[in-house]
């Protein structure tokens, strides 16, 4: 594996300035609390290839947000590679809600046969996770697939105990149970020795790492979870997946449909895609900025319906106006320029 084959995060200052002049900031409410948020704020921009989204979370500094801006430039100026499949299976996403709320959340994802369930939520206990996953199994039935996402919430000992207990409900995989690559590698060994057959997927260890290939070199994961914006665009994500040599799952970063289109473009052009993707979180938003949301129908996203000629959906002026926050636009413009200045 050769990190030098991964494209650099190239930012053209002139393109950044041009896009910054088109910024429209929107703030959309969430239907349920997710990642501690009750609303999602992003900047929409427009370039020669169409609309794009710049949406690093508000607490991200310029160093981390820089990759998101590279993905924005790609969408606005270059568009995306041609798809190799016409539809993509999508998983339901279950936030860290109480067990009795699970059925209502899953009802927003009709047709989905896979569910990603948040676990290891601060302030909650393993019992809460077990109850939530049990409720998901009840709704999906024995044939449904369940994956859990701990967002680095456990150490190795806690992860070994929690995954061992959750495995009773039949897990497709556990996503980023521990923070470090070394911890993930140790956990995989511990699970194997205990006869617990739950694959490990790496997310933060890919998208937040200075060396996204370390996971594969260290034997720390069975799959990689890739997100377009944090990795710097579709083409760069494709290169990272190819160099890792592990099965990939494409996920989103709580995007509007404009940003979600990039995730769909990546999933549509991956050479191999054997798992449902986390590209249904538009269903968690209380609104959107396009008339034809990039939301799954019967558990699938139709590529041709949402991507035309390598371009994503067009923002609807009335919907943008509904959620627009003009007083935040100077802040986002400065943020883009700070990223470019790095």
C-alpha atoms as a PDB file:
ATOM      1  CA  UNK A   1       0.000   0.000   0.000  1.00  0.00           C
ATOM      2  CA  UNK A   2       1.434   3.315  -1.099  1.00  0.00           C
ATOM      3  CA  UNK A   3       0.026   6.508   0.462  1.00  0.00           C
ATOM      4  CA  UNK A   4       1.707   8.576  -2.248  1.00  0.00           C
ATOM      5  CA  UNK A   5      -0.898   7.227  -4.727  1.00  0.00           C
ATOM      6  CA  UNK A   6      -3.669   9.003  -2.785  1.00  0.00           C
ATOM      7  CA  UNK A   7      -4.458  12.341  -4.497  1.00  0.00           C
ATOM      8  CA  UNK A   8      -3.437  15.437  -2.574  1.00  0.00           C
ATOM      9  CA  UNK A   9      -6.050  17.792  -1.176  1.00  0.00           C
ATOM     10  CA  UNK A  10      -5.744  20.463  -3.851  1.00  0.00           C
ATOM     11  CA  UNK A  11      -7.586  23.752  -3.312  1.00  0.00           C
ATOM     12  CA  UNK A  12      -7.611  26.377  -6.056  1.00  0.00           C
ATOM     13  CA  UNK A  13      -7.816  29.769  -4.256  1.00  0.00           C
ATOM     14  CA  UNK A  14      -9.545  31.400  -7.206  1.00  0.00           C
ATOM     15  CA  UNK A  15     -12.209  28.705  -7.285  1.00  0.00           C
ATOM     16  CA  UNK A  16     -12.690  29.039  -3.527  1.00  0.00           C
ATOM     17  CA  UNK A  17     -13.181  32.801  -3.813  1.00  0.00           C
ATOM     18  CA  UNK A  18     -15.597  32.317  -6.681  1.00  0.00           C
ATOM     19  CA  UNK A  19     -17.666  29.775  -4.750  1.00  0.00           C
ATOM     20  CA  UNK A  20     -17.580  31.864  -1.584  1.00  0.00           C
ATOM     21  CA  UNK A  21     -19.419  34.613  -3.457  1.00  0.00           C
ATOM     22  CA  UNK A  22     -22.317  32.219  -4.098  1.00  0.00           C
ATOM     23  CA  UNK A  23     -22.772  30.973  -0.516  1.00  0.00           C
ATOM     24  CA  UNK A  24     -26.280  30.389   0.764  1.00  0.00           C
ATOM     25  CA  UNK A  25     -26.355  29.092   4.343  1.00  0.00           C
ATOM     26  CA  UNK A  26     -29.273  26.917   5.401  1.00  0.00           C
ATOM     27  CA  UNK A  27     -30.174  25.532   8.817  1.00  0.00           C
ATOM     28  CA  UNK A  28     -32.526  22.535   8.754  1.00  0.00           C
ATOM     29  CA  UNK A  29     -34.074  20.985  11.894  1.00  0.00           C
ATOM     30  CA  UNK A  30     -33.616  17.302  12.708  1.00  0.00           C
ATOM     31  CA  UNK A  31     -36.528  15.006  13.482  1.00  0.00           C
ATOM     32  CA  UNK A  32     -34.559  13.402  16.325  1.00  0.00           C
ATOM     33  CA  UNK A  33     -31.369  14.368  18.137  1.00  0.00           C
ATOM     34  CA  UNK A  34     -28.373  12.982  16.240  1.00  0.00           C
ATOM     35  CA  UNK A  35     -24.695  13.351  17.155  1.00  0.00           C
ATOM     36  CA  UNK A  36     -25.925  15.751  19.842  1.00  0.00           C
ATOM     37  CA  UNK A  37     -27.508  18.019  17.207  1.00  0.00           C
ATOM     38  CA  UNK A  38     -31.084  19.189  16.819  1.00  0.00           C
ATOM     39  CA  UNK A  39     -30.450  21.087  13.571  1.00  0.00           C
ATOM     40  CA  UNK A  40     -27.965  20.938  10.691  1.00  0.00           C
ATOM     41  CA  UNK A  41     -26.282  24.025   9.268  1.00  0.00           C
ATOM     42  CA  UNK A  42     -24.423  23.899   5.938  1.00  0.00           C
ATOM     43  CA  UNK A  43     -23.344  26.220   3.151  1.00  0.00           C
ATOM     44  CA  UNK A  44     -24.660  25.677  -0.372  1.00  0.00           C
ATOM     45  CA  UNK A  45     -22.611  26.953  -3.321  1.00  0.00           C
ATOM     46  CA  UNK A  46     -22.928  26.820  -7.095  1.00  0.00           C
ATOM     47  CA  UNK A  47     -20.208  26.216  -9.679  1.00  0.00           C
ATOM     48  CA  UNK A  48     -19.958  25.332 -13.379  1.00  0.00           C
ATOM     49  CA  UNK A  49     -20.793  21.650 -12.700  1.00  0.00           C
ATOM     50  CA  UNK A  50     -23.755  22.462 -10.489  1.00  0.00           C
ATOM     51  CA  UNK A  51     -24.682  22.832  -6.832  1.00  0.00           C
ATOM     52  CA  UNK A  52     -22.396  21.642  -4.049  1.00  0.00           C
ATOM     53  CA  UNK A  53     -22.439  21.559  -0.268  1.00  0.00           C
ATOM     54  CA  UNK A  54     -19.764  22.648   2.222  1.00  0.00           C
ATOM     55  CA  UNK A  55     -20.857  21.310   5.587  1.00  0.00           C
ATOM     56  CA  UNK A  56     -18.094  20.490   8.067  1.00  0.00           C
ATOM     57  CA  UNK A  57     -19.578  20.468  11.548  1.00  0.00           C
ATOM     58  CA  UNK A  58     -19.331  23.785  13.343  1.00  0.00           C
ATOM     59  CA  UNK A  59     -16.661  22.652  15.803  1.00  0.00           C
ATOM     60  CA  UNK A  60     -14.250  21.511  13.073  1.00  0.00           C
ATOM     61  CA  UNK A  61     -11.192  23.699  12.595  1.00  0.00           C
ATOM     62  CA  UNK A  62      -9.771  24.741   9.200  1.00  0.00           C
ATOM     63  CA  UNK A  63      -7.368  21.801   9.116  1.00  0.00           C
ATOM     64  CA  UNK A  64     -10.159  19.246   9.285  1.00  0.00           C
ATOM     65  CA  UNK A  65     -12.622  21.288   7.232  1.00  0.00           C
ATOM     66  CA  UNK A  66     -10.097  21.584   4.381  1.00  0.00           C
ATOM     67  CA  UNK A  67     -10.935  18.098   3.060  1.00  0.00           C
ATOM     68  CA  UNK A  68     -14.622  19.008   3.027  1.00  0.00           C
ATOM     69  CA  UNK A  69     -13.828  22.056   0.906  1.00  0.00           C
ATOM     70  CA  UNK A  70     -11.849  19.911  -1.554  1.00  0.00           C
ATOM     71  CA  UNK A  71     -14.937  17.716  -1.963  1.00  0.00           C
ATOM     72  CA  UNK A  72     -17.044  20.849  -2.505  1.00  0.00           C
ATOM     73  CA  UNK A  73     -14.725  22.066  -5.265  1.00  0.00           C
ATOM     74  CA  UNK A  74     -14.853  18.670  -6.974  1.00  0.00           C
ATOM     75  CA  UNK A  75     -18.654  18.679  -7.003  1.00  0.00           C
ATOM     76  CA  UNK A  76     -18.897  22.305  -8.152  1.00  0.00           C
ATOM     77  CA  UNK A  77     -16.205  22.232 -10.855  1.00  0.00           C
ATOM     78  CA  UNK A  78     -15.522  18.645 -11.959  1.00  0.00           C
ATOM     79  CA  UNK A  79     -18.598  16.584 -11.236  1.00  0.00           C
ATOM     80  CA  UNK A  80     -18.174  12.861 -10.570  1.00  0.00           C
ATOM     81  CA  UNK A  81     -17.071   9.675 -12.365  1.00  0.00           C
ATOM     82  CA  UNK A  82     -19.564   7.606 -14.338  1.00  0.00           C
ATOM     83  CA  UNK A  83     -21.602   5.083 -12.317  1.00  0.00           C
ATOM     84  CA  UNK A  84     -21.195   1.324 -12.692  1.00  0.00           C
ATOM     85  CA  UNK A  85     -24.553   0.435 -11.080  1.00  0.00           C
ATOM     86  CA  UNK A  86     -28.031   1.879 -11.405  1.00  0.00           C
ATOM     87  CA  UNK A  87     -29.148   1.616  -7.788  1.00  0.00           C
ATOM     88  CA  UNK A  88     -27.669   1.464  -4.277  1.00  0.00           C
ATOM     89  CA  UNK A  89     -29.111  -0.319  -1.242  1.00  0.00           C
ATOM     90  CA  UNK A  90     -29.508   1.967   1.780  1.00  0.00           C
ATOM     91  CA  UNK A  91     -29.578   1.154   5.482  1.00  0.00           C
ATOM     92  CA  UNK A  92     -31.885   2.709   8.052  1.00  0.00           C
ATOM     93  CA  UNK A  93     -30.168   4.793  10.721  1.00  0.00           C
ATOM     94  CA  UNK A  94     -31.320   4.497  14.324  1.00  0.00           C
ATOM     95  CA  UNK A  95     -30.003   7.202  16.674  1.00  0.00           C
ATOM     96  CA  UNK A  96     -29.486   6.495  20.380  1.00  0.00           C
ATOM     97  CA  UNK A  97     -33.225   6.630  21.087  1.00  0.00           C
ATOM     98  CA  UNK A  98     -35.148   4.685  23.686  1.00  0.00           C
ATOM     99  CA  UNK A  99     -36.231   1.202  22.645  1.00  0.00           C
ATOM    100  CA  UNK A 100     -39.882   2.247  22.463  1.00  0.00           C
ATOM    101  CA  UNK A 101     -39.000   4.887  19.821  1.00  0.00           C
ATOM    102  CA  UNK A 102     -37.225   2.448  17.489  1.00  0.00           C
ATOM    103  CA  UNK A 103     -40.288   1.393  15.497  1.00  0.00           C
ATOM    104  CA  UNK A 104     -41.152   5.016  14.667  1.00  0.00           C
ATOM    105  CA  UNK A 105     -37.590   5.710  13.482  1.00  0.00           C
ATOM    106  CA  UNK A 106     -37.482   2.610  11.287  1.00  0.00           C
ATOM    107  CA  UNK A 107     -40.846   3.550   9.804  1.00  0.00           C
ATOM    108  CA  UNK A 108     -39.060   6.481   8.112  1.00  0.00           C
ATOM    109  CA  UNK A 109     -37.002   3.964   6.102  1.00  0.00           C
ATOM    110  CA  UNK A 110     -39.626   1.751   4.417  1.00  0.00           C
ATOM    111  CA  UNK A 111     -38.135  -1.193   2.571  1.00  0.00           C
ATOM    112  CA  UNK A 112     -34.770  -1.051   4.351  1.00  0.00           C
ATOM    113  CA  UNK A 113     -33.581  -4.492   5.430  1.00  0.00           C
ATOM    114  CA  UNK A 114     -30.407  -3.236   7.121  1.00  0.00           C
ATOM    115  CA  UNK A 115     -30.226  -0.912  10.145  1.00  0.00           C
ATOM    116  CA  UNK A 116     -27.273   0.954  11.581  1.00  0.00           C
ATOM    117  CA  UNK A 117     -27.816   1.465  15.311  1.00  0.00           C
ATOM    118  CA  UNK A 118     -25.972   4.024  17.398  1.00  0.00           C
ATOM    119  CA  UNK A 119     -24.530   2.623  20.635  1.00  0.00           C
ATOM    120  CA  UNK A 120     -22.131   3.770  23.379  1.00  0.00           C
ATOM    121  CA  UNK A 121     -23.969   7.083  23.700  1.00  0.00           C
ATOM    122  CA  UNK A 122     -22.548   9.271  26.503  1.00  0.00           C
ATOM    123  CA  UNK A 123     -24.819   9.096  29.536  1.00  0.00           C
ATOM    124  CA  UNK A 124     -26.296   5.749  28.528  1.00  0.00           C
ATOM    125  CA  UNK A 125     -25.451   2.199  29.622  1.00  0.00           C
ATOM    126  CA  UNK A 126     -24.951  -1.086  27.800  1.00  0.00           C
ATOM    127  CA  UNK A 127     -28.464  -2.056  28.863  1.00  0.00           C
ATOM    128  CA  UNK A 128     -29.811   0.819  26.767  1.00  0.00           C
ATOM    129  CA  UNK A 129     -27.850  -0.445  23.759  1.00  0.00           C
ATOM    130  CA  UNK A 130     -29.091  -3.986  24.227  1.00  0.00           C
ATOM    131  CA  UNK A 131     -32.711  -2.844  24.510  1.00  0.00           C
ATOM    132  CA  UNK A 132     -32.380  -0.645  21.408  1.00  0.00           C
ATOM    133  CA  UNK A 133     -30.770  -3.370  19.291  1.00  0.00           C
ATOM    134  CA  UNK A 134     -33.334  -5.911  20.516  1.00  0.00           C
ATOM    135  CA  UNK A 135     -36.118  -3.566  19.415  1.00  0.00           C
ATOM    136  CA  UNK A 136     -34.500  -3.210  15.983  1.00  0.00           C
ATOM    137  CA  UNK A 137     -34.297  -6.999  15.667  1.00  0.00           C
ATOM    138  CA  UNK A 138     -37.966  -7.270  16.570  1.00  0.00           C
ATOM    139  CA  UNK A 139     -38.908  -4.855  13.782  1.00  0.00           C
ATOM    140  CA  UNK A 140     -36.541  -6.194  11.092  1.00  0.00           C
ATOM    141  CA  UNK A 141     -37.113  -9.846  11.897  1.00  0.00           C
ATOM    142  CA  UNK A 142     -34.525 -12.624  11.732  1.00  0.00           C
ATOM    143  CA  UNK A 143     -33.475 -11.909   8.131  1.00  0.00           C
ATOM    144  CA  UNK A 144     -32.689  -8.210   8.711  1.00  0.00           C
ATOM    145  CA  UNK A 145     -29.100  -7.041   9.043  1.00  0.00           C
ATOM    146  CA  UNK A 146     -28.006  -4.994  12.060  1.00  0.00           C
ATOM    147  CA  UNK A 147     -24.763  -3.063  12.367  1.00  0.00           C
ATOM    148  CA  UNK A 148     -23.816  -1.021  15.430  1.00  0.00           C
ATOM    149  CA  UNK A 149     -21.796   2.195  15.504  1.00  0.00           C
ATOM    150  CA  UNK A 150     -20.008   3.136  18.728  1.00  0.00           C
ATOM    151  CA  UNK A 151     -18.250   6.261  17.383  1.00  0.00           C
ATOM    152  CA  UNK A 152     -15.056   5.376  19.332  1.00  0.00           C
ATOM    153  CA  UNK A 153     -17.072   5.176  22.559  1.00  0.00           C
ATOM    154  CA  UNK A 154     -15.405   2.125  24.153  1.00  0.00           C
ATOM    155  CA  UNK A 155     -11.969   1.030  25.205  1.00  0.00           C
ATOM    156  CA  UNK A 156     -10.875  -2.486  24.231  1.00  0.00           C
ATOM    157  CA  UNK A 157     -12.223  -4.128  27.390  1.00  0.00           C
ATOM    158  CA  UNK A 158     -15.587  -2.380  27.137  1.00  0.00           C
ATOM    159  CA  UNK A 159     -15.848  -3.133  23.426  1.00  0.00           C
ATOM    160  CA  UNK A 160     -15.080  -6.819  23.954  1.00  0.00           C
ATOM    161  CA  UNK A 161     -17.841  -7.072  26.586  1.00  0.00           C
ATOM    162  CA  UNK A 162     -20.387  -4.978  24.690  1.00  0.00           C
ATOM    163  CA  UNK A 163     -19.909  -6.665  21.315  1.00  0.00           C
ATOM    164  CA  UNK A 164     -19.982 -10.046  23.014  1.00  0.00           C
ATOM    165  CA  UNK A 165     -23.378  -9.194  24.503  1.00  0.00           C
ATOM    166  CA  UNK A 166     -24.781  -7.503  21.375  1.00  0.00           C
ATOM    167  CA  UNK A 167     -23.697 -10.428  19.194  1.00  0.00           C
ATOM    168  CA  UNK A 168     -26.712 -12.345  20.518  1.00  0.00           C
ATOM    169  CA  UNK A 169     -28.849 -10.241  18.162  1.00  0.00           C
ATOM    170  CA  UNK A 170     -26.800 -11.128  15.079  1.00  0.00           C
ATOM    171  CA  UNK A 171     -24.502  -8.276  14.028  1.00  0.00           C
ATOM    172  CA  UNK A 172     -23.344  -7.615  10.479  1.00  0.00           C
ATOM    173  CA  UNK A 173     -20.421  -5.650  11.935  1.00  0.00           C
ATOM    174  CA  UNK A 174     -19.416  -3.192  14.658  1.00  0.00           C
ATOM    175  CA  UNK A 175     -18.292   0.223  13.434  1.00  0.00           C
ATOM    176  CA  UNK A 176     -15.384   2.049  15.083  1.00  0.00           C
ATOM    177  CA  UNK A 177     -15.842   0.573  18.570  1.00  0.00           C
ATOM    178  CA  UNK A 178     -12.498   1.976  19.814  1.00  0.00           C
ATOM    179  CA  UNK A 179     -10.594   5.183  19.047  1.00  0.00           C
ATOM    180  CA  UNK A 180      -7.163   4.020  17.876  1.00  0.00           C
ATOM    181  CA  UNK A 181      -5.982   1.690  15.148  1.00  0.00           C
ATOM    182  CA  UNK A 182      -3.958  -0.243  17.717  1.00  0.00           C
ATOM    183  CA  UNK A 183      -7.084  -0.725  19.836  1.00  0.00           C
ATOM    184  CA  UNK A 184      -9.064  -1.968  16.837  1.00  0.00           C
ATOM    185  CA  UNK A 185      -6.357  -4.489  15.999  1.00  0.00           C
ATOM    186  CA  UNK A 186      -6.230  -5.712  19.598  1.00  0.00           C
ATOM    187  CA  UNK A 187     -10.017  -5.978  19.722  1.00  0.00           C
ATOM    188  CA  UNK A 188     -10.171  -8.048  16.520  1.00  0.00           C
ATOM    189  CA  UNK A 189      -7.689 -10.484  18.029  1.00  0.00           C
ATOM    190  CA  UNK A 190      -9.603 -10.628  21.312  1.00  0.00           C
ATOM    191  CA  UNK A 191     -12.931 -11.288  19.576  1.00  0.00           C
ATOM    192  CA  UNK A 192     -11.414 -14.020  17.419  1.00  0.00           C
ATOM    193  CA  UNK A 193      -9.874 -15.759  20.427  1.00  0.00           C
ATOM    194  CA  UNK A 194     -13.255 -15.672  22.185  1.00  0.00           C
ATOM    195  CA  UNK A 195     -15.039 -17.115  19.155  1.00  0.00           C
ATOM    196  CA  UNK A 196     -17.132 -13.955  18.675  1.00  0.00           C
ATOM    197  CA  UNK A 197     -17.704 -13.652  14.940  1.00  0.00           C
ATOM    198  CA  UNK A 198     -18.417  -9.932  14.543  1.00  0.00           C
ATOM    199  CA  UNK A 199     -16.415  -8.080  11.862  1.00  0.00           C
ATOM    200  CA  UNK A 200     -14.932  -4.673  12.689  1.00  0.00           C
ATOM    201  CA  UNK A 201     -15.447  -1.652  10.441  1.00  0.00           C
ATOM    202  CA  UNK A 202     -13.238   1.450  10.594  1.00  0.00           C
ATOM    203  CA  UNK A 203     -14.770   4.899  10.141  1.00  0.00           C
ATOM    204  CA  UNK A 204     -13.023   7.644  12.126  1.00  0.00           C
ATOM    205  CA  UNK A 205      -9.737   5.753  11.722  1.00  0.00           C
ATOM    206  CA  UNK A 206     -10.116   6.349   7.979  1.00  0.00           C
ATOM    207  CA  UNK A 207     -11.698   9.778   7.650  1.00  0.00           C
ATOM    208  CA  UNK A 208      -9.899  11.499  10.526  1.00  0.00           C
ATOM    209  CA  UNK A 209      -6.492   9.897   9.985  1.00  0.00           C
ATOM    210  CA  UNK A 210      -3.421  11.508   8.487  1.00  0.00           C
ATOM    211  CA  UNK A 211      -2.708   8.069   7.008  1.00  0.00           C
ATOM    212  CA  UNK A 212      -6.023   6.440   6.040  1.00  0.00           C
ATOM    213  CA  UNK A 213      -4.207   3.282   4.903  1.00  0.00           C
ATOM    214  CA  UNK A 214      -2.828   2.460   8.361  1.00  0.00           C
ATOM    215  CA  UNK A 215      -5.993   0.526   9.249  1.00  0.00           C
ATOM    216  CA  UNK A 216      -5.393  -1.982   6.471  1.00  0.00           C
ATOM    217  CA  UNK A 217      -1.648  -2.277   7.099  1.00  0.00           C
ATOM    218  CA  UNK A 218      -2.262  -2.971  10.792  1.00  0.00           C
ATOM    219  CA  UNK A 219      -4.974  -5.563  10.155  1.00  0.00           C
ATOM    220  CA  UNK A 220      -7.292  -3.464  12.318  1.00  0.00           C
ATOM    221  CA  UNK A 221     -10.537  -3.807  10.355  1.00  0.00           C
ATOM    222  CA  UNK A 222     -12.531  -6.096   8.094  1.00  0.00           C
ATOM    223  CA  UNK A 223     -14.285  -3.232   6.288  1.00  0.00           C
ATOM    224  CA  UNK A 224     -13.835   0.489   5.771  1.00  0.00           C
ATOM    225  CA  UNK A 225     -16.575   3.096   6.058  1.00  0.00           C
ATOM    226  CA  UNK A 226     -15.946   6.003   3.704  1.00  0.00           C
ATOM    227  CA  UNK A 227     -17.541   9.444   3.552  1.00  0.00           C
ATOM    228  CA  UNK A 228     -16.976  11.701   0.571  1.00  0.00           C
ATOM    229  CA  UNK A 229     -16.633  15.098   2.261  1.00  0.00           C
ATOM    230  CA  UNK A 230     -14.193  14.161   5.075  1.00  0.00           C
ATOM    231  CA  UNK A 231     -11.990  12.292   2.577  1.00  0.00           C
ATOM    232  CA  UNK A 232     -11.765  15.165   0.105  1.00  0.00           C
ATOM    233  CA  UNK A 233     -14.068  14.074  -2.695  1.00  0.00           C
ATOM    234  CA  UNK A 234     -15.289  11.077  -4.660  1.00  0.00           C
ATOM    235  CA  UNK A 235     -12.072  10.478  -6.594  1.00  0.00           C
ATOM    236  CA  UNK A 236      -9.887  10.645  -3.507  1.00  0.00           C
ATOM    237  CA  UNK A 237     -12.230   8.290  -1.628  1.00  0.00           C
ATOM    238  CA  UNK A 238     -12.086   5.848  -4.542  1.00  0.00           C
ATOM    239  CA  UNK A 239      -8.287   5.861  -4.378  1.00  0.00           C
ATOM    240  CA  UNK A 240      -8.298   5.261  -0.611  1.00  0.00           C
ATOM    241  CA  UNK A 241     -10.679   2.314  -0.938  1.00  0.00           C
ATOM    242  CA  UNK A 242      -8.569   0.838  -3.731  1.00  0.00           C
ATOM    243  CA  UNK A 243      -5.358   1.152  -1.727  1.00  0.00           C
ATOM    244  CA  UNK A 244      -6.912  -0.257   1.460  1.00  0.00           C
ATOM    245  CA  UNK A 245      -8.077  -3.333  -0.411  1.00  0.00           C
ATOM    246  CA  UNK A 246     -10.978  -3.913   2.008  1.00  0.00           C
ATOM    247  CA  UNK A 247     -14.734  -4.018   1.347  1.00  0.00           C
ATOM    248  CA  UNK A 248     -16.250  -0.553   1.620  1.00  0.00           C
ATOM    249  CA  UNK A 249     -19.481   0.916   2.931  1.00  0.00           C
ATOM    250  CA  UNK A 250     -20.340   4.466   1.869  1.00  0.00           C
ATOM    251  CA  UNK A 251     -21.861   6.663   4.545  1.00  0.00           C
ATOM    252  CA  UNK A 252     -22.974  10.280   4.882  1.00  0.00           C
ATOM    253  CA  UNK A 253     -22.299  13.165   7.198  1.00  0.00           C
ATOM    254  CA  UNK A 254     -25.898  14.247   7.873  1.00  0.00           C
ATOM    255  CA  UNK A 255     -26.055  16.067   4.551  1.00  0.00           C
ATOM    256  CA  UNK A 256     -28.880  17.746   2.718  1.00  0.00           C
ATOM    257  CA  UNK A 257     -29.704  16.160  -0.629  1.00  0.00           C
ATOM    258  CA  UNK A 258     -27.118  18.368  -2.328  1.00  0.00           C
ATOM    259  CA  UNK A 259     -24.358  16.872  -0.214  1.00  0.00           C
ATOM    260  CA  UNK A 260     -25.892  13.387  -0.199  1.00  0.00           C
ATOM    261  CA  UNK A 261     -25.520  13.244  -3.974  1.00  0.00           C
ATOM    262  CA  UNK A 262     -21.748  12.988  -3.560  1.00  0.00           C
ATOM    263  CA  UNK A 263     -22.122   9.908  -1.385  1.00  0.00           C
ATOM    264  CA  UNK A 264     -24.463   8.365  -3.929  1.00  0.00           C
ATOM    265  CA  UNK A 265     -21.949   9.139  -6.698  1.00  0.00           C
ATOM    266  CA  UNK A 266     -19.211   7.319  -4.779  1.00  0.00           C
ATOM    267  CA  UNK A 267     -21.399   4.294  -4.038  1.00  0.00           C
ATOM    268  CA  UNK A 268     -22.500   4.200  -7.678  1.00  0.00           C
ATOM    269  CA  UNK A 269     -18.957   4.076  -9.056  1.00  0.00           C
ATOM    270  CA  UNK A 270     -17.186   1.770  -6.583  1.00  0.00           C
ATOM    271  CA  UNK A 271     -16.018  -1.354  -8.446  1.00  0.00           C
ATOM    272  CA  UNK A 272     -17.487  -3.589  -5.726  1.00  0.00           C
ATOM    273  CA  UNK A 273     -20.260  -2.828  -3.248  1.00  0.00           C
ATOM    274  CA  UNK A 274     -21.607  -5.715  -1.179  1.00  0.00           C
ATOM    275  CA  UNK A 275     -23.174  -3.848   1.755  1.00  0.00           C
ATOM    276  CA  UNK A 276     -26.062  -1.427   2.136  1.00  0.00           C
ATOM    277  CA  UNK A 277     -24.839   2.149   2.461  1.00  0.00           C
ATOM    278  CA  UNK A 278     -25.553   4.831   5.041  1.00  0.00           C
ATOM    279  CA  UNK A 279     -27.050   7.242   2.536  1.00  0.00           C
ATOM    280  CA  UNK A 280     -30.541   7.573   3.939  1.00  0.00           C
ATOM    281  CA  UNK A 281     -30.056  10.214   6.624  1.00  0.00           C
ATOM    282  CA  UNK A 282     -32.029  12.799   4.646  1.00  0.00           C
ATOM    283  CA  UNK A 283     -34.935  10.978   6.313  1.00  0.00           C
ATOM    284  CA  UNK A 284     -33.709  12.316   9.667  1.00  0.00           C
ATOM    285  CA  UNK A 285     -33.980  15.942   8.517  1.00  0.00           C
ATOM    286  CA  UNK A 286     -37.113  17.960   9.062  1.00  0.00           C
ATOM    287  CA  UNK A 287     -36.701  19.584   5.645  1.00  0.00           C
ATOM    288  CA  UNK A 288     -34.521  19.674   2.551  1.00  0.00           C
ATOM    289  CA  UNK A 289     -33.300  22.038  -0.148  1.00  0.00           C
ATOM    290  CA  UNK A 290     -34.303  20.119  -3.294  1.00  0.00           C
ATOM    291  CA  UNK A 291     -37.723  19.248  -4.651  1.00  0.00           C
ATOM    292  CA  UNK A 292     -36.698  15.650  -5.342  1.00  0.00           C
ATOM    293  CA  UNK A 293     -34.840  14.591  -2.166  1.00  0.00           C
ATOM    294  CA  UNK A 294     -32.022  12.055  -2.384  1.00  0.00           C
ATOM    295  CA  UNK A 295     -33.969   9.686  -0.162  1.00  0.00           C
ATOM    296  CA  UNK A 296     -34.392   5.925  -0.573  1.00  0.00           C
ATOM    297  CA  UNK A 297     -37.529   4.361  -2.003  1.00  0.00           C
ATOM    298  CA  UNK A 298     -38.236   0.811  -0.835  1.00  0.00           C
ATOM    299  CA  UNK A 299     -34.719   0.673   0.610  1.00  0.00           C
ATOM    300  CA  UNK A 300     -32.892   1.770  -2.572  1.00  0.00           C
ATOM    301  CA  UNK A 301     -31.533   4.941  -4.144  1.00  0.00           C
ATOM    302  CA  UNK A 302     -32.020   5.196  -7.903  1.00  0.00           C
ATOM    303  CA  UNK A 303     -28.821   6.575  -9.446  1.00  0.00           C
ATOM    304  CA  UNK A 304     -30.330   7.977 -12.651  1.00  0.00           C
ATOM    305  CA  UNK A 305     -33.082   9.734 -10.714  1.00  0.00           C
ATOM    306  CA  UNK A 306     -30.637  11.788  -8.646  1.00  0.00           C
ATOM    307  CA  UNK A 307     -27.452  12.021 -10.736  1.00  0.00           C
ATOM    308  CA  UNK A 308     -27.560  13.275 -14.304  1.00  0.00           C
ATOM    309  CA  UNK A 309     -24.400  13.609 -16.372  1.00  0.00           C
ATOM    310  CA  UNK A 310     -22.139  13.439 -13.331  1.00  0.00           C
ATOM    311  CA  UNK A 311     -24.042  16.240 -11.606  1.00  0.00           C
ATOM    312  CA  UNK A 312     -26.183  16.236  -8.492  1.00  0.00           C
ATOM    313  CA  UNK A 313     -29.643  17.692  -7.812  1.00  0.00           C
ATOM    314  CA  UNK A 314     -30.538  21.333  -8.265  1.00  0.00           C
ATOM    315  CA  UNK A 315     -31.357  23.350  -5.145  1.00  0.00           C
ATOM    316  CA  UNK A 316     -34.900  24.684  -5.102  1.00  0.00           C
ATOM    317  CA  UNK A 317     -34.952  28.486  -4.598  1.00  0.00           C
ATOM    318  CA  UNK A 318     -38.097  28.417  -2.446  1.00  0.00           C
ATOM    319  CA  UNK A 319     -36.763  25.676  -0.176  1.00  0.00           C
ATOM    320  CA  UNK A 320     -33.392  27.399   0.154  1.00  0.00           C
ATOM    321  CA  UNK A 321     -35.200  30.610   1.077  1.00  0.00           C
ATOM    322  CA  UNK A 322     -37.253  28.749   3.686  1.00  0.00           C
ATOM    323  CA  UNK A 323     -34.193  27.511   5.589  1.00  0.00           C
ATOM    324  CA  UNK A 324     -31.741  30.291   4.722  1.00  0.00           C
ATOM    325  CA  UNK A 325     -29.714  32.040   7.442  1.00  0.00           C
ATOM    326  CA  UNK A 326     -28.280  35.174   5.761  1.00  0.00           C
ATOM    327  CA  UNK A 327     -26.661  36.384   8.977  1.00  0.00           C
ATOM    328  CA  UNK A 328     -24.410  33.279   8.975  1.00  0.00           C
ATOM    329  CA  UNK A 329     -23.105  33.634   5.444  1.00  0.00           C
ATOM    330  CA  UNK A 330     -20.133  35.886   6.141  1.00  0.00           C
ATOM    331  CA  UNK A 331     -18.944  33.392   8.777  1.00  0.00           C
ATOM    332  CA  UNK A 332     -19.070  30.519   6.283  1.00  0.00           C
ATOM    333  CA  UNK A 333     -17.325  32.570   3.579  1.00  0.00           C
ATOM    334  CA  UNK A 334     -14.499  33.316   5.982  1.00  0.00           C
ATOM    335  CA  UNK A 335     -14.334  29.661   6.897  1.00  0.00           C
ATOM    336  CA  UNK A 336     -13.875  28.689   3.250  1.00  0.00           C
ATOM    337  CA  UNK A 337     -11.133  31.257   2.783  1.00  0.00           C
ATOM    338  CA  UNK A 338      -9.344  30.100   5.944  1.00  0.00           C
ATOM    339  CA  UNK A 339      -9.298  26.542   4.599  1.00  0.00           C
ATOM    340  CA  UNK A 340      -7.884  27.730   1.298  1.00  0.00           C
ATOM    341  CA  UNK A 341      -5.224  29.770   3.079  1.00  0.00           C
ATOM    342  CA  UNK A 342      -3.779  26.578   4.583  1.00  0.00           C
END
